[in-house]
Amino acid sequence: MTIDERLEKLTERHEALAQTVELLVAENRHVAEQNRQAAEENRQRDRRMGEIMEAVSSLARIAEIHEQRIERLEE
């Protein structure tokens, strides 16, 4: 194998490695974006869940007040 053939082979390997690195970087960016979106969705879900829990708590308190009122009226 001549020096030129070796250089050509090394060049091909280098190009293949460079393409692989580019693909890995692109995939990494994609995964990072997915993680960012998932984190944002989780924050929104947590906020909504907090609002729902507050509403349920308020409804439970209202039901308790109504129950006490009914008990007083029955007496």
Protein backbone atom coordinates (compact mmCIF):
# COMPACT_ATOMS: atom_id res chain seq x y z
CA MET A 1 0.00 0.00 0.00
CA THR A 2 1.48 3.33 -1.05
CA ILE A 3 1.59 6.48 1.07
CA ASP A 4 -1.08 8.04 -1.15
CA GLU A 5 -3.37 5.04 -0.61
CA ARG A 6 -2.79 5.23 3.14
CA LEU A 7 -3.53 8.94 3.14
CA GLU A 8 -6.69 8.33 1.14
CA LYS A 9 -7.80 5.65 3.60
CA LEU A 10 -7.06 7.91 6.56
CA THR A 11 -8.98 10.72 4.90
CA GLU A 12 -11.97 8.45 4.40
CA ARG A 13 -11.85 7.36 8.04
CA HIS A 14 -11.55 10.95 9.18
CA GLU A 15 -14.58 11.96 7.11
CA ALA A 16 -16.59 9.03 8.47
CA LEU A 17 -15.66 9.97 12.03
CA ALA A 18 -16.53 13.60 11.39
CA GLN A 19 -19.96 12.58 10.05
CA THR A 20 -20.51 10.34 13.08
CA VAL A 21 -19.66 13.19 15.43
CA GLU A 22 -22.04 15.51 13.56
CA LEU A 23 -24.83 12.95 13.88
CA LEU A 24 -24.14 12.49 17.59
CA VAL A 25 -24.19 16.25 18.17
CA ALA A 26 -27.48 16.59 16.30
CA GLU A 27 -29.01 13.72 18.25
CA ASN A 28 -27.75 15.20 21.52
CA ARG A 29 -29.36 18.55 20.67
CA HIS A 30 -32.61 16.79 19.83
CA VAL A 31 -32.60 14.88 23.14
CA ALA A 32 -31.78 18.08 25.05
CA GLU A 33 -34.73 19.84 23.40
CA GLN A 34 -37.02 16.92 24.24
CA ASN A 35 -35.84 17.05 27.85
CA ARG A 36 -36.48 20.81 27.98
CA GLN A 37 -39.98 20.34 26.59
CA ALA A 38 -40.71 17.50 29.03
CA ALA A 39 -39.52 19.64 31.95
CA GLU A 40 -41.80 22.50 30.85
CA GLU A 41 -44.75 20.11 30.49
CA ASN A 42 -44.03 18.75 33.98
CA ARG A 43 -43.99 22.28 35.43
CA GLN A 44 -47.33 23.05 33.78
CA ARG A 45 -48.79 19.73 34.96
CA ASP A 46 -47.60 20.39 38.52
CA ARG A 47 -49.14 23.88 38.45
CA ARG A 48 -52.46 22.52 37.18
CA MET A 49 -52.39 19.72 39.76
CA GLY A 50 -51.84 22.29 42.49
CA GLU A 51 -54.82 24.28 41.25
CA ILE A 52 -56.96 21.14 41.17
CA MET A 53 -55.91 20.21 44.71
CA GLU A 54 -56.80 23.70 45.94
CA ALA A 55 -60.22 23.45 44.26
CA VAL A 56 -60.89 20.02 45.75
CA SER A 57 -59.86 21.30 49.17
CA SER A 58 -62.23 24.27 48.79
CA LEU A 59 -65.06 21.97 47.74
CA ALA A 60 -64.40 19.67 50.68
CA ARG A 61 -64.55 22.64 53.05
CA ILE A 62 -67.83 23.83 51.47
CA ALA A 63 -69.29 20.32 51.79
CA GLU A 64 -68.25 20.24 55.46
CA ILE A 65 -69.91 23.62 56.09
CA HIS A 66 -73.10 22.47 54.37
CA GLU A 67 -73.11 19.25 56.36
CA GLN A 68 -72.79 21.18 59.62
CA ARG A 69 -75.59 23.51 58.52
CA ILE A 70 -77.86 20.55 57.68
CA GLU A 71 -77.09 18.98 61.07
CA ARG A 72 -78.01 22.23 62.84
CA LEU A 73 -81.25 22.48 60.87
CA GLU A 74 -82.15 18.87 61.74
CA GLU A 75 -81.73 19.56 65.46
